[in-house]
Amino acid sequence: MRYKLTFVVGLAIGYVLGTRAGRERYEQLCKSARQFSQNPAVRNAAETAAQTGREVAGKALHTVSDKVGDRMPESVAERVRSLRERGQGGEDEWGTSNT
């Protein structure tokens, strides 16, 4: 019983101390993540990765459709087509272009 009580008291103290320092640390982490995601190099790398993924998906569609033929589900083919079309616009939902 003594160990349970010690554990509960320790848990309560940790919770109280954690909530006091926790919000400040949480805000600090959010600010760092926001700065990181707004970095032009990071945004450009993310866009390049997305564009490469769309290209690979398009190539995969052709390879699979050649081997599978008409047995490919239309939902899969439609999804790949929509990804390819979205990639041809030069801009994505971030409002940036890979230039």
Protein backbone atom coordinates (compact mmCIF):
# COMPACT_ATOMS: atom_id res chain seq x y z
CA MET A 1 0.00 0.00 0.00
CA ARG A 2 2.87 2.33 0.80
CA TYR A 3 4.32 1.95 -2.71
CA LYS A 4 0.97 2.68 -4.32
CA LEU A 5 0.58 5.83 -2.26
CA THR A 6 4.15 6.92 -3.10
CA PHE A 7 3.47 6.30 -6.78
CA VAL A 8 0.21 8.30 -6.74
CA VAL A 9 1.85 11.19 -4.88
CA GLY A 10 4.78 11.17 -7.32
CA LEU A 11 2.37 11.08 -10.23
CA ALA A 12 0.44 14.05 -8.85
CA ILE A 13 3.60 16.09 -8.24
CA GLY A 14 4.89 15.26 -11.71
CA TYR A 15 1.59 16.25 -13.25
CA VAL A 16 1.51 19.60 -11.45
CA LEU A 17 5.12 20.43 -12.31
CA GLY A 18 4.71 19.17 -15.86
CA THR A 19 1.65 21.28 -16.56
CA ARG A 20 3.39 24.42 -15.35
CA ALA A 21 6.46 23.96 -17.55
CA GLY A 22 4.55 22.00 -20.18
CA ARG A 23 2.62 24.83 -21.77
CA GLU A 24 5.70 27.00 -22.19
CA ARG A 25 7.64 24.10 -23.71
CA TYR A 26 4.69 23.24 -25.95
CA GLU A 27 4.53 26.81 -27.28
CA GLN A 28 8.28 26.78 -27.82
CA LEU A 29 8.05 23.53 -29.83
CA CYS A 30 5.14 24.90 -31.89
CA LYS A 31 7.10 28.04 -32.71
CA SER A 32 10.14 25.99 -33.76
CA ALA A 33 8.01 23.70 -35.92
CA ARG A 34 6.32 26.69 -37.55
CA GLN A 35 9.68 28.32 -38.34
CA PHE A 36 11.00 25.04 -39.72
CA SER A 37 7.98 24.49 -41.98
CA GLN A 38 8.12 28.06 -43.30
CA ASN A 39 11.77 27.75 -44.28
CA PRO A 40 11.98 28.05 -48.10
CA ALA A 41 14.48 25.20 -48.35
CA VAL A 42 12.20 22.86 -46.39
CA ARG A 43 9.16 23.86 -48.43
CA ASN A 44 11.07 23.36 -51.67
CA ALA A 45 12.28 19.93 -50.56
CA ALA A 46 8.74 18.91 -49.58
CA GLU A 47 7.39 20.07 -52.91
CA THR A 48 10.13 18.25 -54.80
CA ALA A 49 9.36 15.06 -52.88
CA ALA A 50 5.65 15.41 -53.68
CA GLN A 51 6.37 16.03 -57.36
CA THR A 52 8.67 13.01 -57.49
CA GLY A 53 5.98 10.91 -55.85
CA ARG A 54 3.45 11.98 -58.46
CA GLU A 55 5.88 11.11 -61.26
CA VAL A 56 6.60 7.68 -59.76
CA ALA A 57 2.88 7.05 -59.36
CA GLY A 58 2.34 7.89 -63.03
CA LYS A 59 5.11 5.52 -64.11
CA ALA A 60 3.73 2.83 -61.82
CA LEU A 61 0.30 3.23 -63.38
CA HIS A 62 1.70 2.59 -66.85
CA THR A 63 3.79 -0.37 -65.71
CA VAL A 64 0.97 -1.97 -63.76
CA SER A 65 -1.67 -1.29 -66.41
CA ASP A 66 0.57 -2.91 -69.04
CA LYS A 67 0.90 -6.02 -66.90
CA VAL A 68 -2.57 -6.11 -65.39
CA GLY A 69 -4.52 -4.66 -68.28
CA ASP A 70 -8.20 -3.98 -67.73
CA ARG A 71 -8.20 -5.69 -64.34
CA MET A 72 -6.92 -2.56 -62.55
CA PRO A 73 -9.66 -1.04 -60.39
CA GLU A 74 -10.92 2.23 -61.81
CA SER A 75 -10.57 3.89 -58.39
CA VAL A 76 -6.81 3.27 -58.42
CA ALA A 77 -6.41 4.52 -61.97
CA GLU A 78 -8.49 7.62 -61.24
CA ARG A 79 -6.47 8.46 -58.13
CA VAL A 80 -3.16 8.24 -60.00
CA ARG A 81 -4.57 10.36 -62.84
CA SER A 82 -5.69 13.03 -60.39
CA LEU A 83 -2.26 13.09 -58.73
CA ARG A 84 -0.57 13.44 -62.10
CA GLU A 85 -2.87 16.27 -63.19
CA ARG A 86 -2.35 18.12 -59.92
CA GLY A 87 1.41 17.90 -60.42
CA GLN A 88 1.30 19.46 -63.89
CA GLY A 89 -0.05 22.79 -62.64
CA GLY A 90 3.34 23.90 -61.29
CA GLU A 91 1.85 24.96 -57.95
CA ASP A 92 0.55 22.99 -55.04
CA GLU A 93 -1.59 23.72 -52.02
CA TRP A 94 1.41 25.46 -50.41
CA GLY A 95 1.35 28.18 -53.05
CA THR A 96 4.95 27.59 -54.05
CA SER A 97 6.58 26.39 -57.21
CA ASN A 98 9.75 24.42 -57.67
CA THR A 99 11.91 27.04 -59.35
